[in-house]
Amino acid sequence: MPEVKWKIYQKFYPEKMRGFSLFFSIVFHPLLMATYGCLLIFFGIRNTVYDFMTPFETKWRISLIVFLFSFIFPVLNIAILYKLKRIPSVALSQQSDRTYPYIMTALFYFGLFYLLKDINIWNSIKLFVLGGGLGILLTAIINLKYKISAHMVGIGGLLGVLISLSYLIKFDMTFFYIAVILIAGLIASSRLYLQEHKPSQVYTGFVLGLIVQTGLFFIFQKITFA
């Protein structure tokens, strides 16, 4: 019965459905996931070592630097490509439009990792940034042959970070797992409704993001996370 009501709503309220889908696609844009991850780790999840053992100024400075490199610079790059008519739309809907912006975004992430490498902050945060860059680079490579959902790579990566940190610091993050999975469902539904992706592309993106982040953390789990 709920499924029937959902289909009826889609049929008679297409503009509202499109509006909701665009809203979720923008609010949970993949370029924002690194910033959301930092804010969640530093300010959202309370009573962890990242919360009470990191100075407040450091939390905000790192979050702002991450926002600059993972969102502002990539957005400016896309805007420049659009102005130069190298891409037809800033939405990057076409598979052929995505590869170069993805590679540039990955380079911004790697640049951010290099910048943070010698700064006295948690190594796990640095690894989180490195994982983001690797995930985007793999997305760019896969995109050469197969259109994968970057939105789902982003949210899958965020879930991977939470799972990894939970294991490393022995902290129960079940509530946050559930919240991220629900958000992932909304994002996936939005991308499918907007006909930006097929179901297989959505699932593949989510699994890729999850595997890259958890894989990196568990490979390097012997590093002292201090």
N, C-alpha and C. Protein backbone atom coordinates (compact mmCIF):
# COMPACT_ATOMS: atom_id res chain seq x y z
N MET A 1 0.80 -1.22 0.00
CA MET A 1 0.00 0.00 0.00
C MET A 1 0.84 1.28 0.00
N PRO A 2 1.86 1.40 0.88
CA PRO A 2 2.71 2.61 0.83
C PRO A 2 3.38 2.80 -0.52
N GLU A 3 3.79 1.68 -1.18
CA GLU A 3 4.43 1.78 -2.48
C GLU A 3 3.47 2.33 -3.52
N VAL A 4 2.19 1.91 -3.45
CA VAL A 4 1.17 2.40 -4.38
C VAL A 4 0.97 3.89 -4.19
N LYS A 5 0.88 4.33 -2.93
CA LYS A 5 0.70 5.76 -2.63
C LYS A 5 1.89 6.57 -3.15
N TRP A 6 3.11 6.01 -3.00
CA TRP A 6 4.31 6.69 -3.49
C TRP A 6 4.25 6.88 -5.00
N LYS A 7 3.83 5.86 -5.73
CA LYS A 7 3.75 5.94 -7.18
C LYS A 7 2.68 6.95 -7.61
N ILE A 8 1.57 6.99 -6.85
CA ILE A 8 0.50 7.95 -7.16
C ILE A 8 1.01 9.37 -6.94
N TYR A 9 1.78 9.57 -5.84
CA TYR A 9 2.35 10.88 -5.54
C TYR A 9 3.30 11.32 -6.66
N GLN A 10 4.11 10.37 -7.13
CA GLN A 10 5.04 10.67 -8.22
C GLN A 10 4.29 11.08 -9.48
N LYS A 11 3.16 10.43 -9.72
CA LYS A 11 2.40 10.69 -10.94
C LYS A 11 1.72 12.05 -10.91
N PHE A 12 1.14 12.42 -9.77
CA PHE A 12 0.35 13.65 -9.71
C PHE A 12 1.11 14.86 -9.17
N TYR A 13 2.31 14.64 -8.61
CA TYR A 13 3.09 15.76 -8.09
C TYR A 13 4.52 15.70 -8.64
N PRO A 14 4.67 15.65 -9.96
CA PRO A 14 6.01 15.50 -10.54
C PRO A 14 6.94 16.67 -10.23
N GLU A 15 6.39 17.91 -10.19
CA GLU A 15 7.25 19.06 -9.92
C GLU A 15 7.77 19.05 -8.50
N LYS A 16 6.90 18.65 -7.56
CA LYS A 16 7.35 18.56 -6.16
C LYS A 16 8.41 17.48 -6.01
N MET A 17 8.18 16.36 -6.67
CA MET A 17 9.15 15.27 -6.60
C MET A 17 10.49 15.69 -7.19
N ARG A 18 10.42 16.41 -8.30
CA ARG A 18 11.66 16.89 -8.92
C ARG A 18 12.35 17.91 -8.00
N GLY A 19 11.56 18.75 -7.36
CA GLY A 19 12.11 19.74 -6.43
C GLY A 19 12.81 19.07 -5.26
N PHE A 20 12.15 18.05 -4.67
CA PHE A 20 12.76 17.31 -3.57
C PHE A 20 14.06 16.64 -4.01
N SER A 21 14.02 16.05 -5.20
CA SER A 21 15.19 15.33 -5.70
C SER A 21 16.36 16.27 -5.95
N LEU A 22 16.07 17.44 -6.52
CA LEU A 22 17.12 18.44 -6.73
C LEU A 22 17.68 18.95 -5.41
N PHE A 23 16.79 19.13 -4.44
CA PHE A 23 17.19 19.61 -3.11
C PHE A 23 18.18 18.64 -2.47
N PHE A 24 17.84 17.35 -2.46
CA PHE A 24 18.72 16.36 -1.85
C PHE A 24 20.02 16.21 -2.63
N SER A 25 19.93 16.35 -3.96
CA SER A 25 21.14 16.23 -4.78
C SER A 25 22.11 17.37 -4.52
N ILE A 26 21.57 18.57 -4.23
CA ILE A 26 22.42 19.74 -3.98
C ILE A 26 22.95 19.74 -2.54
N VAL A 27 22.06 19.51 -1.58
CA VAL A 27 22.45 19.54 -0.17
C VAL A 27 23.48 18.46 0.15
N PHE A 28 23.31 17.29 -0.49
CA PHE A 28 24.25 16.19 -0.26
C PHE A 28 25.13 15.97 -1.47
N HIS A 29 25.58 17.08 -2.04
CA HIS A 29 26.47 17.01 -3.20
C HIS A 29 27.78 16.34 -2.78
N PRO A 30 28.38 15.51 -3.65
CA PRO A 30 29.61 14.81 -3.27
C PRO A 30 30.75 15.72 -2.85
N LEU A 31 30.80 16.94 -3.39
CA LEU A 31 31.87 17.86 -3.02
C LEU A 31 31.74 18.37 -1.59
N LEU A 32 30.56 18.19 -1.00
CA LEU A 32 30.34 18.64 0.37
C LEU A 32 30.59 17.54 1.40
N MET A 33 30.76 16.31 0.96
CA MET A 33 30.85 15.19 1.89
C MET A 33 32.06 15.26 2.80
N ALA A 34 33.20 15.72 2.30
CA ALA A 34 34.39 15.82 3.14
C ALA A 34 34.17 16.84 4.26
N THR A 35 33.53 17.96 3.92
CA THR A 35 33.24 18.98 4.93
C THR A 35 32.25 18.45 5.96
N TYR A 36 31.19 17.78 5.48
CA TYR A 36 30.23 17.18 6.42
C TYR A 36 30.93 16.17 7.33
N GLY A 37 31.86 15.41 6.75
CA GLY A 37 32.58 14.42 7.54
C GLY A 37 33.38 15.07 8.65
N CYS A 38 34.08 16.16 8.33
CA CYS A 38 34.87 16.88 9.34
C CYS A 38 33.98 17.45 10.43
N LEU A 39 32.91 18.10 10.03
CA LEU A 39 32.00 18.69 11.01
C LEU A 39 31.38 17.62 11.91
N LEU A 40 31.07 16.48 11.32
CA LEU A 40 30.47 15.39 12.09
C LEU A 40 31.48 14.82 13.09
N ILE A 41 32.70 14.59 12.63
CA ILE A 41 33.73 14.01 13.50
C ILE A 41 34.12 14.97 14.62
N PHE A 42 34.26 16.26 14.29
CA PHE A 42 34.72 17.23 15.28
C PHE A 42 33.61 17.77 16.19
N PHE A 43 32.40 17.93 15.63
CA PHE A 43 31.34 18.61 16.39
C PHE A 43 30.07 17.76 16.60
N GLY A 44 29.83 16.82 15.70
CA GLY A 44 28.57 16.07 15.77
C GLY A 44 28.61 14.88 16.69
N ILE A 45 29.71 14.13 16.65
CA ILE A 45 29.82 12.92 17.48
C ILE A 45 30.54 13.31 18.77
N ARG A 46 29.82 13.36 19.86
CA ARG A 46 30.36 13.86 21.11
C ARG A 46 31.07 12.77 21.91
N ASN A 47 31.94 13.24 22.83
CA ASN A 47 32.64 12.36 23.77
C ASN A 47 33.59 11.37 23.10
N THR A 48 34.18 11.78 22.00
CA THR A 48 35.24 10.99 21.38
C THR A 48 36.55 11.75 21.55
N VAL A 49 37.67 11.09 21.22
CA VAL A 49 38.96 11.78 21.32
C VAL A 49 39.02 12.97 20.37
N TYR A 50 38.31 12.87 19.24
CA TYR A 50 38.30 13.97 18.26
C TYR A 50 37.53 15.17 18.81
N ASP A 51 36.59 14.90 19.70
CA ASP A 51 35.77 15.95 20.25
C ASP A 51 36.50 16.67 21.38
N PHE A 52 36.89 15.94 22.44
CA PHE A 52 37.42 16.62 23.62
C PHE A 52 38.94 16.77 23.66
N MET A 53 39.66 16.15 22.70
CA MET A 53 41.11 16.30 22.71
C MET A 53 41.63 17.15 21.54
N THR A 54 40.71 17.78 20.83
CA THR A 54 41.11 18.67 19.73
C THR A 54 40.69 20.10 20.08
N PRO A 55 41.61 21.05 20.11
CA PRO A 55 41.24 22.43 20.42
C PRO A 55 40.17 22.96 19.46
N PHE A 56 39.29 23.78 19.98
CA PHE A 56 38.17 24.30 19.20
C PHE A 56 38.66 25.02 17.94
N GLU A 57 39.68 25.85 18.09
CA GLU A 57 40.22 26.59 16.93
C GLU A 57 40.74 25.64 15.86
N THR A 58 41.39 24.58 16.29
CA THR A 58 41.92 23.60 15.33
C THR A 58 40.79 22.92 14.57
N LYS A 59 39.72 22.59 15.27
CA LYS A 59 38.56 21.96 14.62
C LYS A 59 38.05 22.83 13.49
N TRP A 60 37.85 24.11 13.78
CA TRP A 60 37.27 25.01 12.77
C TRP A 60 38.25 25.29 11.64
N ARG A 61 39.53 25.45 11.98
CA ARG A 61 40.52 25.72 10.94
C ARG A 61 40.63 24.55 9.96
N ILE A 62 40.69 23.34 10.51
CA ILE A 62 40.78 22.16 9.64
C ILE A 62 39.52 22.02 8.80
N SER A 63 38.36 22.24 9.41
CA SER A 63 37.09 22.13 8.68
C SER A 63 37.02 23.15 7.54
N LEU A 64 37.48 24.37 7.80
CA LEU A 64 37.48 25.42 6.77
C LEU A 64 38.46 25.11 5.64
N ILE A 65 39.63 24.60 6.01
CA ILE A 65 40.61 24.22 4.98
C ILE A 65 40.07 23.10 4.11
N VAL A 66 39.43 22.12 4.73
CA VAL A 66 38.82 21.01 3.98
C VAL A 66 37.73 21.53 3.06
N PHE A 67 36.91 22.46 3.55
CA PHE A 67 35.84 23.05 2.75
C PHE A 67 36.42 23.79 1.54
N LEU A 68 37.52 24.49 1.76
CA LEU A 68 38.15 25.26 0.70
C LEU A 68 38.67 24.34 -0.41
N PHE A 69 39.40 23.30 -0.03
CA PHE A 69 40.04 22.43 -1.01
C PHE A 69 39.08 21.42 -1.64
N SER A 70 38.09 20.97 -0.88
CA SER A 70 37.20 19.92 -1.39
C SER A 70 35.91 20.46 -2.01
N PHE A 71 35.62 21.74 -1.79
CA PHE A 71 34.39 22.31 -2.37
C PHE A 71 34.65 23.57 -3.19
N ILE A 72 35.21 24.60 -2.56
CA ILE A 72 35.37 25.89 -3.24
C ILE A 72 36.26 25.77 -4.48
N PHE A 73 37.44 25.21 -4.34
CA PHE A 73 38.35 25.08 -5.48
C PHE A 73 37.76 24.22 -6.61
N PRO A 74 37.19 23.04 -6.31
CA PRO A 74 36.58 22.25 -7.39
C PRO A 74 35.41 22.96 -8.07
N VAL A 75 34.59 23.68 -7.29
CA VAL A 75 33.46 24.41 -7.88
C VAL A 75 33.98 25.51 -8.80
N LEU A 76 35.00 26.23 -8.37
CA LEU A 76 35.59 27.26 -9.23
C LEU A 76 36.16 26.65 -10.51
N ASN A 77 36.77 25.50 -10.39
CA ASN A 77 37.32 24.81 -11.55
C ASN A 77 36.21 24.45 -12.55
N ILE A 78 35.11 23.93 -12.03
CA ILE A 78 33.96 23.58 -12.89
C ILE A 78 33.38 24.83 -13.55
N ALA A 79 33.28 25.92 -12.77
CA ALA A 79 32.75 27.17 -13.31
C ALA A 79 33.64 27.72 -14.43
N ILE A 80 34.95 27.62 -14.25
CA ILE A 80 35.88 28.08 -15.29
C ILE A 80 35.74 27.23 -16.55
N LEU A 81 35.65 25.91 -16.38
CA LEU A 81 35.47 25.02 -17.53
C LEU A 81 34.18 25.34 -18.28
N TYR A 82 33.15 25.69 -17.53
CA TYR A 82 31.87 26.05 -18.16
C TYR A 82 32.00 27.37 -18.93
N LYS A 83 32.66 28.36 -18.33
CA LYS A 83 32.85 29.64 -18.99
C LYS A 83 33.69 29.51 -20.26
N LEU A 84 34.64 28.60 -20.23
CA LEU A 84 35.49 28.35 -21.39
C LEU A 84 34.83 27.43 -22.41
N LYS A 85 33.59 27.02 -22.09
CA LYS A 85 32.80 26.14 -22.96
C LYS A 85 33.46 24.77 -23.16
N ARG A 86 34.19 24.34 -22.13
CA ARG A 86 34.77 23.00 -22.18
C ARG A 86 33.76 21.94 -21.74
N ILE A 87 32.76 22.39 -20.98
CA ILE A 87 31.66 21.51 -20.57
C ILE A 87 30.35 22.25 -20.84
N PRO A 88 29.28 21.55 -21.25
CA PRO A 88 28.03 22.22 -21.58
C PRO A 88 27.19 22.64 -20.38
N SER A 89 27.46 22.03 -19.21
CA SER A 89 26.65 22.32 -18.04
C SER A 89 27.46 22.08 -16.77
N VAL A 90 27.20 22.90 -15.75
CA VAL A 90 27.89 22.71 -14.47
C VAL A 90 27.36 21.48 -13.74
N ALA A 91 26.22 20.95 -14.18
CA ALA A 91 25.65 19.76 -13.55
C ALA A 91 26.42 18.50 -13.89
N LEU A 92 27.23 18.53 -14.95
CA LEU A 92 28.04 17.39 -15.38
C LEU A 92 27.18 16.14 -15.59
N SER A 93 26.05 16.31 -16.24
CA SER A 93 25.12 15.20 -16.44
C SER A 93 25.65 14.16 -17.42
N GLN A 94 26.42 14.63 -18.41
CA GLN A 94 26.93 13.71 -19.41
C GLN A 94 28.21 13.02 -18.92
N GLN A 95 28.31 11.74 -19.21
CA GLN A 95 29.47 10.97 -18.79
C GLN A 95 30.77 11.57 -19.31
N SER A 96 30.76 12.05 -20.53
CA SER A 96 31.98 12.60 -21.15
C SER A 96 32.45 13.91 -20.50
N ASP A 97 31.53 14.59 -19.78
CA ASP A 97 31.88 15.87 -19.16
C ASP A 97 32.55 15.70 -17.80
N ARG A 98 32.55 14.50 -17.26
CA ARG A 98 32.91 14.30 -15.86
C ARG A 98 34.39 14.01 -15.60
N THR A 99 35.06 13.39 -16.54
CA THR A 99 36.39 12.86 -16.25
C THR A 99 37.38 13.95 -15.81
N TYR A 100 37.52 15.02 -16.60
CA TYR A 100 38.50 16.05 -16.27
C TYR A 100 38.17 16.75 -14.94
N PRO A 101 36.91 17.19 -14.70
CA PRO A 101 36.61 17.80 -13.39
C PRO A 101 36.88 16.84 -12.23
N TYR A 102 36.61 15.55 -12.42
CA TYR A 102 36.88 14.58 -11.36
C TYR A 102 38.37 14.48 -11.06
N ILE A 103 39.17 14.43 -12.12
CA ILE A 103 40.62 14.33 -11.93
C ILE A 103 41.15 15.57 -11.21
N MET A 104 40.68 16.75 -11.61
CA MET A 104 41.11 17.98 -10.96
C MET A 104 40.70 18.00 -9.49
N THR A 105 39.49 17.52 -9.21
CA THR A 105 39.02 17.46 -7.82
C THR A 105 39.90 16.52 -7.01
N ALA A 106 40.25 15.38 -7.58
CA ALA A 106 41.14 14.44 -6.90
C ALA A 106 42.49 15.09 -6.59
N LEU A 107 43.00 15.89 -7.53
CA LEU A 107 44.26 16.59 -7.31
C LEU A 107 44.16 17.60 -6.17
N PHE A 108 43.01 18.25 -6.05
CA PHE A 108 42.80 19.17 -4.92
C PHE A 108 42.85 18.40 -3.60
N TYR A 109 42.24 17.23 -3.59
CA TYR A 109 42.26 16.39 -2.38
C TYR A 109 43.68 15.97 -2.04
N PHE A 110 44.43 15.54 -3.05
CA PHE A 110 45.81 15.12 -2.80
C PHE A 110 46.65 16.31 -2.34
N GLY A 111 46.37 17.49 -2.90
CA GLY A 111 47.05 18.70 -2.46
C GLY A 111 46.74 19.01 -1.00
N LEU A 112 45.49 18.80 -0.63
CA LEU A 112 45.07 19.01 0.76
C LEU A 112 45.78 18.01 1.68
N PHE A 113 45.88 16.76 1.24
CA PHE A 113 46.58 15.75 2.03
C PHE A 113 48.04 16.15 2.24
N TYR A 114 48.67 16.64 1.18
CA TYR A 114 50.07 17.08 1.28
C TYR A 114 50.19 18.24 2.26
N LEU A 115 49.23 19.15 2.22
CA LEU A 115 49.23 20.31 3.12
C LEU A 115 49.09 19.89 4.57
N LEU A 116 48.23 18.87 4.82
CA LEU A 116 47.97 18.43 6.18
C LEU A 116 49.01 17.45 6.71
N LYS A 117 49.80 16.89 5.80
CA LYS A 117 50.72 15.80 6.15
C LYS A 117 51.63 16.13 7.32
N ASP A 118 52.17 17.33 7.34
CA ASP A 118 53.12 17.71 8.38
C ASP A 118 52.49 18.54 9.50
N ILE A 119 51.18 18.69 9.44
CA ILE A 119 50.49 19.44 10.50
C ILE A 119 50.15 18.49 11.65
N ASN A 120 50.25 18.97 12.87
CA ASN A 120 50.03 18.12 14.04
C ASN A 120 48.52 17.95 14.32
N ILE A 121 47.89 17.12 13.49
CA ILE A 121 46.49 16.75 13.73
C ILE A 121 46.40 15.24 13.63
N TRP A 122 45.23 14.72 13.91
CA TRP A 122 45.01 13.28 13.90
C TRP A 122 45.35 12.69 12.53
N ASN A 123 46.13 11.61 12.53
CA ASN A 123 46.47 10.93 11.29
C ASN A 123 45.23 10.38 10.58
N SER A 124 44.23 10.02 11.36
CA SER A 124 43.00 9.48 10.78
C SER A 124 42.28 10.51 9.92
N ILE A 125 42.38 11.78 10.27
CA ILE A 125 41.79 12.85 9.45
C ILE A 125 42.54 12.96 8.12
N LYS A 126 43.85 12.86 8.20
CA LYS A 126 44.67 12.90 6.98
C LYS A 126 44.32 11.73 6.06
N LEU A 127 44.12 10.55 6.68
CA LEU A 127 43.79 9.36 5.90
C LEU A 127 42.41 9.49 5.28
N PHE A 128 41.49 10.13 5.99
CA PHE A 128 40.14 10.39 5.50
C PHE A 128 40.21 11.25 4.23
N VAL A 129 41.06 12.27 4.25
CA VAL A 129 41.24 13.14 3.08
C VAL A 129 41.87 12.37 1.92
N LEU A 130 42.89 11.57 2.22
CA LEU A 130 43.54 10.76 1.19
C LEU A 130 42.55 9.78 0.56
N GLY A 131 41.69 9.19 1.39
CA GLY A 131 40.67 8.27 0.88
C GLY A 131 39.68 8.96 -0.03
N GLY A 132 39.34 10.22 0.30
CA GLY A 132 38.44 10.99 -0.56
C GLY A 132 39.05 11.22 -1.93
N GLY A 133 40.33 11.58 -1.94
CA GLY A 133 41.02 11.80 -3.22
C GLY A 133 41.12 10.53 -4.04
N LEU A 134 41.43 9.42 -3.38
CA LEU A 134 41.53 8.14 -4.09
C LEU A 134 40.18 7.71 -4.64
N GLY A 135 39.12 7.91 -3.85
CA GLY A 135 37.78 7.56 -4.31
C GLY A 135 37.37 8.34 -5.55
N ILE A 136 37.68 9.64 -5.56
CA ILE A 136 37.33 10.47 -6.71
C ILE A 136 38.17 10.09 -7.93
N LEU A 137 39.45 9.79 -7.71
CA LEU A 137 40.31 9.38 -8.82
C LEU A 137 39.82 8.08 -9.45
N LEU A 138 39.43 7.12 -8.62
CA LEU A 138 38.89 5.86 -9.13
C LEU A 138 37.57 6.09 -9.86
N THR A 139 36.77 7.02 -9.36
CA THR A 139 35.51 7.38 -10.03
C THR A 139 35.80 7.93 -11.42
N ALA A 140 36.83 8.78 -11.52
CA ALA A 140 37.20 9.35 -12.82
C ALA A 140 37.66 8.27 -13.79
N ILE A 141 38.43 7.31 -13.30
CA ILE A 141 38.93 6.23 -14.15
C ILE A 141 37.77 5.34 -14.62
N ILE A 142 36.91 4.98 -13.68
CA ILE A 142 35.75 4.14 -14.02
C ILE A 142 34.84 4.87 -15.00
N ASN A 143 34.73 6.19 -14.84
CA ASN A 143 33.85 6.99 -15.69
C ASN A 143 34.25 6.96 -17.16
N LEU A 144 35.49 6.60 -17.44
CA LEU A 144 35.92 6.50 -18.83
C LEU A 144 35.12 5.45 -19.59
N LYS A 145 34.67 4.42 -18.86
CA LYS A 145 33.91 3.34 -19.49
C LYS A 145 32.50 3.19 -18.96
N TYR A 146 32.27 3.71 -17.74
CA TYR A 146 31.00 3.42 -17.07
C TYR A 146 30.62 4.60 -16.19
N LYS A 147 29.42 5.12 -16.37
CA LYS A 147 28.96 6.28 -15.59
C LYS A 147 28.56 5.83 -14.19
N ILE A 148 29.35 6.23 -13.22
CA ILE A 148 29.10 5.84 -11.84
C ILE A 148 28.60 7.05 -11.05
N SER A 149 27.83 6.83 -10.01
CA SER A 149 27.26 7.93 -9.24
C SER A 149 28.26 8.49 -8.23
N ALA A 150 28.74 9.71 -8.47
CA ALA A 150 29.66 10.37 -7.55
C ALA A 150 28.97 10.70 -6.23
N HIS A 151 27.67 11.00 -6.30
CA HIS A 151 26.91 11.26 -5.07
C HIS A 151 26.99 10.06 -4.13
N MET A 152 26.83 8.87 -4.70
CA MET A 152 26.83 7.67 -3.88
C MET A 152 28.24 7.29 -3.43
N VAL A 153 29.24 7.62 -4.24
CA VAL A 153 30.62 7.42 -3.82
C VAL A 153 30.89 8.26 -2.57
N GLY A 154 30.39 9.49 -2.57
CA GLY A 154 30.60 10.39 -1.44
C GLY A 154 29.94 9.90 -0.16
N ILE A 155 28.67 9.53 -0.24
CA ILE A 155 27.97 9.10 0.97
C ILE A 155 28.45 7.72 1.42
N GLY A 156 28.83 6.86 0.47
CA GLY A 156 29.41 5.57 0.84
C GLY A 156 30.74 5.75 1.55
N GLY A 157 31.52 6.73 1.07
CA GLY A 157 32.80 7.02 1.71
C GLY A 157 32.61 7.53 3.12
N LEU A 158 31.59 8.36 3.33
CA LEU A 158 31.33 8.89 4.67
C LEU A 158 30.97 7.76 5.63
N LEU A 159 30.14 6.82 5.17
CA LEU A 159 29.81 5.67 6.01
C LEU A 159 31.07 4.85 6.30
N GLY A 160 31.94 4.70 5.31
CA GLY A 160 33.19 3.97 5.51
C GLY A 160 34.07 4.61 6.55
N VAL A 161 34.13 5.94 6.54
CA VAL A 161 34.92 6.67 7.54
C VAL A 161 34.37 6.42 8.95
N LEU A 162 33.05 6.49 9.10
CA LEU A 162 32.45 6.27 10.41
C LEU A 162 32.69 4.86 10.93
N ILE A 163 32.55 3.87 10.04
CA ILE A 163 32.80 2.48 10.43
C ILE A 163 34.25 2.31 10.88
N SER A 164 35.16 2.89 10.12
CA SER A 164 36.59 2.76 10.43
C SER A 164 36.95 3.43 11.75
N LEU A 165 36.45 4.66 11.95
CA LEU A 165 36.76 5.38 13.19
C LEU A 165 36.14 4.68 14.40
N SER A 166 34.94 4.14 14.21
CA SER A 166 34.28 3.42 15.29
C SER A 166 35.12 2.23 15.74
N TYR A 167 35.69 1.53 14.76
CA TYR A 167 36.54 0.38 15.08
C TYR A 167 37.84 0.82 15.75
N LEU A 168 38.43 1.89 15.25
CA LEU A 168 39.73 2.34 15.74
C LEU A 168 39.67 2.89 17.16
N ILE A 169 38.62 3.65 17.48
CA ILE A 169 38.55 4.27 18.80
C ILE A 169 37.57 3.54 19.72
N LYS A 170 37.01 2.41 19.23
CA LYS A 170 36.09 1.58 20.02
C LYS A 170 34.92 2.41 20.55
N PHE A 171 34.24 3.08 19.62
CA PHE A 171 33.13 3.97 19.98
C PHE A 171 31.90 3.56 19.17
N ASP A 172 30.77 3.41 19.85
CA ASP A 172 29.54 2.97 19.19
C ASP A 172 28.94 4.12 18.38
N MET A 173 28.85 3.94 17.05
CA MET A 173 28.29 4.97 16.17
C MET A 173 27.06 4.46 15.42
N THR A 174 26.35 3.50 16.04
CA THR A 174 25.21 2.89 15.37
C THR A 174 24.19 3.93 14.90
N PHE A 175 23.89 4.90 15.75
CA PHE A 175 22.92 5.94 15.39
C PHE A 175 23.36 6.67 14.12
N PHE A 176 24.64 6.97 14.04
CA PHE A 176 25.16 7.70 12.87
C PHE A 176 25.17 6.82 11.63
N TYR A 177 25.42 5.51 11.81
CA TYR A 177 25.33 4.59 10.68
C TYR A 177 23.93 4.64 10.07
N ILE A 178 22.95 4.53 10.95
CA ILE A 178 21.55 4.51 10.49
C ILE A 178 21.20 5.81 9.77
N ALA A 179 21.62 6.94 10.36
CA ALA A 179 21.33 8.25 9.75
C ALA A 179 21.95 8.37 8.36
N VAL A 180 23.21 7.94 8.22
CA VAL A 180 23.90 8.04 6.93
C VAL A 180 23.27 7.10 5.90
N ILE A 181 22.87 5.90 6.34
CA ILE A 181 22.23 4.95 5.42
C ILE A 181 20.89 5.49 4.93
N LEU A 182 20.12 6.12 5.83
CA LEU A 182 18.84 6.73 5.42
C LEU A 182 19.08 7.86 4.42
N ILE A 183 20.08 8.68 4.69
CA ILE A 183 20.42 9.77 3.76
C ILE A 183 20.86 9.19 2.41
N ALA A 184 21.62 8.11 2.47
CA ALA A 184 22.06 7.45 1.23
C ALA A 184 20.86 6.99 0.41
N GLY A 185 19.83 6.49 1.09
CA GLY A 185 18.61 6.07 0.40
C GLY A 185 17.91 7.24 -0.28
N LEU A 186 17.87 8.39 0.41
CA LEU A 186 17.26 9.59 -0.17
C LEU A 186 18.05 10.08 -1.39
N ILE A 187 19.37 10.06 -1.26
CA ILE A 187 20.21 10.49 -2.38
C ILE A 187 20.03 9.57 -3.57
N ALA A 188 20.05 8.27 -3.31
CA ALA A 188 19.90 7.29 -4.40
C ALA A 188 18.56 7.47 -5.10
N SER A 189 17.49 7.63 -4.31
CA SER A 189 16.16 7.82 -4.89
C SER A 189 16.11 9.09 -5.73
N SER A 190 16.77 10.14 -5.24
CA SER A 190 16.78 11.42 -5.96
C SER A 190 17.50 11.30 -7.30
N ARG A 191 18.66 10.63 -7.29
CA ARG A 191 19.42 10.48 -8.53
C ARG A 191 18.67 9.63 -9.55
N LEU A 192 17.96 8.62 -9.05
CA LEU A 192 17.18 7.76 -9.95
C LEU A 192 15.97 8.52 -10.49
N TYR A 193 15.31 9.29 -9.63
CA TYR A 193 14.13 10.04 -10.08
C TYR A 193 14.50 11.08 -11.13
N LEU A 194 15.66 11.70 -10.95
CA LEU A 194 16.12 12.70 -11.92
C LEU A 194 16.68 12.06 -13.19
N GLN A 195 16.72 10.73 -13.19
CA GLN A 195 17.22 9.94 -14.33
C GLN A 195 18.68 10.27 -14.66
N GLU A 196 19.43 10.59 -13.62
CA GLU A 196 20.86 10.83 -13.79
C GLU A 196 21.65 9.53 -13.80
N HIS A 197 21.06 8.49 -13.18
CA HIS A 197 21.76 7.21 -13.09
C HIS A 197 20.79 6.05 -13.15
N LYS A 198 21.33 4.89 -13.45
CA LYS A 198 20.60 3.63 -13.37
C LYS A 198 20.87 3.04 -11.99
N PRO A 199 20.01 2.11 -11.53
CA PRO A 199 20.24 1.51 -10.20
C PRO A 199 21.63 0.91 -10.02
N SER A 200 22.14 0.23 -11.03
CA SER A 200 23.47 -0.40 -10.91
C SER A 200 24.56 0.65 -10.70
N GLN A 201 24.41 1.82 -11.30
CA GLN A 201 25.40 2.88 -11.16
C GLN A 201 25.37 3.48 -9.76
N VAL A 202 24.17 3.52 -9.19
CA VAL A 202 24.00 4.01 -7.82
C VAL A 202 24.63 3.04 -6.82
N TYR A 203 24.32 1.75 -6.98
CA TYR A 203 24.86 0.74 -6.06
C TYR A 203 26.38 0.66 -6.15
N THR A 204 26.89 0.70 -7.39
CA THR A 204 28.33 0.62 -7.59
C THR A 204 29.05 1.78 -6.93
N GLY A 205 28.49 2.99 -7.05
CA GLY A 205 29.09 4.17 -6.43
C GLY A 205 29.16 4.05 -4.92
N PHE A 206 28.08 3.59 -4.33
CA PHE A 206 28.03 3.46 -2.86
C PHE A 206 29.06 2.45 -2.38
N VAL A 207 29.13 1.31 -3.04
CA VAL A 207 30.07 0.25 -2.64
C VAL A 207 31.52 0.72 -2.83
N LEU A 208 31.78 1.44 -3.92
CA LEU A 208 33.13 1.94 -4.16
C LEU A 208 33.58 2.87 -3.04
N GLY A 209 32.75 3.86 -2.70
CA GLY A 209 33.10 4.80 -1.63
C GLY A 209 33.33 4.09 -0.31
N LEU A 210 32.47 3.13 0.00
CA LEU A 210 32.57 2.38 1.26
C LEU A 210 33.86 1.57 1.31
N ILE A 211 34.16 0.87 0.23
CA ILE A 211 35.35 0.00 0.19
C ILE A 211 36.64 0.81 0.24
N VAL A 212 36.69 1.92 -0.49
CA VAL A 212 37.92 2.73 -0.52
C VAL A 212 38.26 3.24 0.88
N GLN A 213 37.28 3.83 1.56
CA GLN A 213 37.57 4.41 2.88
C GLN A 213 37.87 3.35 3.93
N THR A 214 37.06 2.31 4.00
CA THR A 214 37.31 1.26 5.00
C THR A 214 38.60 0.51 4.67
N GLY A 215 38.83 0.27 3.37
CA GLY A 215 40.05 -0.43 2.96
C GLY A 215 41.30 0.32 3.38
N LEU A 216 41.33 1.64 3.14
CA LEU A 216 42.50 2.44 3.52
C LEU A 216 42.73 2.40 5.02
N PHE A 217 41.66 2.56 5.79
CA PHE A 217 41.81 2.59 7.23
C PHE A 217 42.30 1.26 7.78
N PHE A 218 41.77 0.16 7.28
CA PHE A 218 42.16 -1.13 7.81
C PHE A 218 43.53 -1.56 7.33
N ILE A 219 43.95 -1.08 6.16
CA ILE A 219 45.31 -1.35 5.69
C ILE A 219 46.32 -0.62 6.58
N PHE A 220 45.97 0.63 6.97
CA PHE A 220 46.89 1.45 7.75
C PHE A 220 46.51 1.53 9.23
N GLN A 221 45.74 0.56 9.72
CA GLN A 221 45.27 0.64 11.09
C GLN A 221 46.40 0.50 12.12
N LYS A 222 47.57 0.03 11.68
CA LYS A 222 48.70 -0.10 12.61
C LYS A 222 49.41 1.23 12.84
N ILE A 223 49.02 2.24 12.03
CA ILE A 223 49.58 3.58 12.27
C ILE A 223 49.09 4.09 13.62
N THR A 224 49.92 4.82 14.33
CA THR A 224 49.48 5.41 15.61
C THR A 224 48.58 6.59 15.30
N PHE A 225 47.30 6.48 15.65
CA PHE A 225 46.35 7.55 15.33
C PHE A 225 46.37 8.56 16.47
N ALA A 226 47.37 9.44 16.40
CA ALA A 226 47.53 10.43 17.46
C ALA A 226 47.84 11.79 16.83
